Amino acid sequence: MTDPIIIIPYQLKWPDEFSRTAKVLREALGDKADRIDHIGSTSVPGLAAKPIIDIQISVKDLLELDTFRIPLERAGFLFRVENPERTKRYFREPTGTKRTHVHVRQSGSWAEQFSLLFRDYLRKHPEDCRRYEEVKHKLAKEYMFNREGYVNAKNPFIWTIMKKADAWSQNIGWFAGEPDA
């Protein structure tokens, strides 16, 4: 059985948890990482979330796996080769540490920008942030032991938000800005 999906209130410690892990990642990767960013729900102040820190590392070439895989593994991160999403490489936290998801994506790619735009839009739109929180609470109850079902059930709402985020990005001239680490 998988761990239950539990959504908890926003924790003020999440940015610090990201920063500590990002420092380890930056030390391991140096200039091999163009950016290291806090993404996902724990990166949006005030948003309830699963207590899992999501980190996105942007690299020049996703196909040059060993340039980032070897340093990340030396730092204790576990490469998840079975990840089916071809737009990223996926790593998990070192054994015995807080659950962390590390998503490595190619700099400038649509997938990289998607995560950053979604985060930035929610940070600036509290009404949609609250709606997202309501959806997550509802779906966590419905799919408590079905992580894939939970993720898939969120997709229609996420795409509704991304349609708004796209329009917002064009109106303000959004770009990713400076990396978090």
Protein backbone atom coordinates (compact mmCIF):
# COMPACT_ATOMS: atom_id res chain seq x y z
CA MET A 1 0.00 0.00 0.00
CA THR A 2 1.19 3.50 -0.76
CA ASP A 3 1.43 6.27 1.79
CA PRO A 4 -1.79 8.25 2.18
CA ILE A 5 -2.12 11.61 0.47
CA ILE A 6 -2.36 14.18 3.24
CA ILE A 7 -2.72 17.92 2.64
CA ILE A 8 -1.56 20.09 5.53
CA PRO A 9 -1.69 23.86 6.10
CA TYR A 10 1.19 25.92 4.71
CA GLN A 11 4.30 25.65 6.88
CA LEU A 12 6.61 28.63 7.37
CA LYS A 13 9.55 26.19 7.48
CA TRP A 14 9.12 25.06 3.84
CA PRO A 15 11.23 27.86 2.28
CA ASP A 16 14.06 27.07 4.73
CA GLU A 17 13.81 23.36 3.94
CA PHE A 18 14.09 24.22 0.25
CA SER A 19 17.08 26.51 0.90
CA ARG A 20 19.00 23.87 2.85
CA THR A 21 18.49 21.27 0.13
CA ALA A 22 19.15 23.77 -2.66
CA LYS A 23 22.50 24.62 -1.06
CA VAL A 24 23.49 20.94 -1.17
CA LEU A 25 22.33 20.70 -4.78
CA ARG A 26 24.23 23.86 -5.80
CA GLU A 27 27.41 22.58 -4.11
CA ALA A 28 27.04 19.24 -5.91
CA LEU A 29 26.27 20.71 -9.33
CA GLY A 30 28.08 24.05 -9.45
CA ASP A 31 27.60 25.64 -12.85
CA LYS A 32 26.08 22.45 -14.28
CA ALA A 33 22.76 23.83 -12.98
CA ASP A 34 21.57 26.97 -14.73
CA ARG A 35 18.84 27.43 -12.13
CA ILE A 36 17.57 25.77 -8.97
CA ASP A 37 14.01 26.72 -8.06
CA HIS A 38 11.44 25.91 -5.41
CA ILE A 39 8.32 24.74 -7.29
CA GLY A 40 5.09 22.98 -6.41
CA SER A 41 2.60 23.86 -3.72
CA THR A 42 5.16 24.25 -0.91
CA SER A 43 6.64 27.15 -2.91
CA VAL A 44 3.42 29.18 -2.74
CA PRO A 45 3.10 31.06 0.58
CA GLY A 46 -0.17 30.26 2.32
CA LEU A 47 -1.09 27.30 0.11
CA ALA A 48 -1.86 23.99 1.84
CA ALA A 49 0.15 21.12 0.39
CA LYS A 50 1.49 17.64 0.77
CA PRO A 51 4.59 18.11 2.98
CA ILE A 52 6.98 17.33 0.11
CA ILE A 53 9.47 19.89 -1.17
CA ASP A 54 9.61 20.02 -4.97
CA ILE A 55 12.77 21.38 -6.53
CA GLN A 56 13.42 22.06 -10.18
CA ILE A 57 16.96 22.04 -11.52
CA SER A 58 17.44 23.51 -14.98
CA VAL A 59 20.34 22.20 -17.06
CA LYS A 60 21.67 23.06 -20.51
CA ASP A 61 21.15 19.60 -21.99
CA LEU A 62 18.80 17.03 -20.48
CA LEU A 63 20.32 14.29 -22.65
CA GLU A 64 23.74 14.75 -21.04
CA LEU A 65 22.53 12.66 -18.08
CA ASP A 66 25.87 11.90 -16.45
CA THR A 67 26.77 15.59 -16.14
CA PHE A 68 24.11 15.96 -13.45
CA ARG A 69 23.25 12.37 -12.44
CA ILE A 70 26.71 11.55 -11.09
CA PRO A 71 27.03 14.69 -8.90
CA LEU A 72 23.47 14.27 -7.60
CA GLU A 73 24.05 10.62 -6.74
CA ARG A 74 27.31 11.50 -5.00
CA ALA A 75 25.28 13.93 -2.88
CA GLY A 76 22.96 11.05 -1.95
CA PHE A 77 20.03 11.72 -4.27
CA LEU A 78 18.43 8.66 -5.83
CA PHE A 79 17.90 8.62 -9.59
CA ARG A 80 14.47 7.22 -10.50
CA VAL A 81 15.14 5.72 -13.90
CA GLU A 82 11.56 4.41 -14.15
CA ASN A 83 10.12 7.94 -14.39
CA PRO A 84 7.83 7.87 -17.44
CA GLU A 85 7.89 11.63 -18.11
CA ARG A 86 10.42 12.26 -20.88
CA THR A 87 10.64 16.04 -20.30
CA LYS A 88 12.49 15.58 -17.02
CA ARG A 89 14.80 13.36 -15.06
CA TYR A 90 13.59 12.61 -11.57
CA PHE A 91 15.48 12.16 -8.31
CA ARG A 92 14.38 11.53 -4.74
CA GLU A 93 15.85 12.58 -1.43
CA PRO A 94 18.84 10.87 0.18
CA THR A 95 17.85 7.88 2.28
CA GLY A 96 16.66 8.87 5.76
CA THR A 97 15.96 12.52 4.94
CA LYS A 98 12.75 14.52 4.44
CA ARG A 99 10.81 13.58 1.33
CA THR A 100 11.94 15.73 -1.57
CA HIS A 101 11.24 15.51 -5.29
CA VAL A 102 13.97 16.81 -7.60
CA HIS A 103 12.87 17.46 -11.19
CA VAL A 104 15.70 18.10 -13.65
CA ARG A 105 14.50 19.84 -16.81
CA GLN A 106 16.16 21.47 -19.78
CA SER A 107 16.67 25.22 -19.51
CA GLY A 108 14.21 27.16 -21.61
CA SER A 109 12.00 24.14 -22.24
CA TRP A 110 8.24 24.35 -22.12
CA ALA A 111 8.17 21.95 -19.14
CA GLU A 112 10.62 24.11 -17.18
CA GLN A 113 8.65 27.28 -17.87
CA PHE A 114 5.30 25.59 -17.08
CA SER A 115 6.33 24.87 -13.48
CA LEU A 116 7.67 28.36 -12.93
CA LEU A 117 4.67 30.12 -14.48
CA PHE A 118 2.19 28.00 -12.51
CA ARG A 119 4.01 28.85 -9.27
CA ASP A 120 4.32 32.56 -10.03
CA TYR A 121 0.69 32.86 -11.10
CA LEU A 122 -0.56 31.25 -7.86
CA ARG A 123 1.72 33.50 -5.81
CA LYS A 124 0.02 36.56 -7.33
CA HIS A 125 -3.58 35.28 -7.42
CA PRO A 126 -4.82 34.31 -3.95
CA GLU A 127 -8.38 33.59 -5.15
CA ASP A 128 -7.14 30.87 -7.51
CA CYS A 129 -4.73 29.68 -4.85
CA ARG A 130 -7.70 29.09 -2.48
CA ARG A 131 -9.64 27.31 -5.22
CA TYR A 132 -6.64 25.05 -5.86
CA GLU A 133 -6.41 24.30 -2.16
CA GLU A 134 -10.08 23.30 -2.09
CA VAL A 135 -9.60 20.99 -5.07
CA LYS A 136 -6.56 19.37 -3.43
CA HIS A 137 -8.40 18.75 -0.15
CA LYS A 138 -11.37 17.21 -1.96
CA LEU A 139 -9.23 14.99 -4.18
CA ALA A 140 -6.94 13.93 -1.32
CA LYS A 141 -9.99 12.46 0.43
CA GLU A 142 -11.24 10.81 -2.74
CA TYR A 143 -7.85 9.39 -3.81
CA MET A 144 -6.16 9.04 -0.42
CA PHE A 145 -4.26 5.87 -1.36
CA ASN A 146 -4.13 6.39 -5.12
CA ARG A 147 -1.35 8.88 -5.90
CA GLU A 148 -1.68 8.50 -9.67
CA GLY A 149 -5.45 9.02 -9.47
CA TYR A 150 -4.94 12.13 -7.34
CA VAL A 151 -2.44 13.62 -9.79
CA ASN A 152 -4.62 12.84 -12.81
CA ALA A 153 -7.75 14.23 -11.14
CA LYS A 154 -6.00 17.58 -10.52
CA ASN A 155 -5.12 18.02 -14.20
CA PRO A 156 -8.37 19.67 -15.39
CA PHE A 157 -8.07 22.32 -12.68
CA ILE A 158 -4.36 22.85 -13.38
CA TRP A 159 -5.10 23.43 -17.06
CA THR A 160 -7.82 25.91 -16.14
CA ILE A 161 -5.26 27.80 -14.08
CA MET A 162 -2.64 27.58 -16.82
CA LYS A 163 -5.03 29.14 -19.33
CA LYS A 164 -5.39 32.09 -16.95
CA ALA A 165 -1.64 32.10 -16.25
CA ASP A 166 -0.89 32.24 -19.97
CA ALA A 167 -3.10 35.31 -20.43
CA TRP A 168 -1.62 36.90 -17.28
CA SER A 169 1.93 36.23 -18.47
CA GLN A 170 1.24 37.98 -21.76
CA ASN A 171 -0.40 40.96 -20.05
CA ILE A 172 2.50 41.57 -17.69
CA GLY A 173 5.40 40.34 -19.87
CA TRP A 174 6.19 37.52 -17.43
CA PHE A 175 9.53 35.77 -17.51
CA ALA A 176 11.07 33.41 -14.99
CA GLY A 177 13.27 36.00 -13.31
CA GLU A 178 16.17 35.14 -11.04
CA PRO A 179 16.54 31.53 -9.80
CA ASP A 180 15.83 30.74 -6.17
CA ALA A 181 19.29 29.24 -5.67
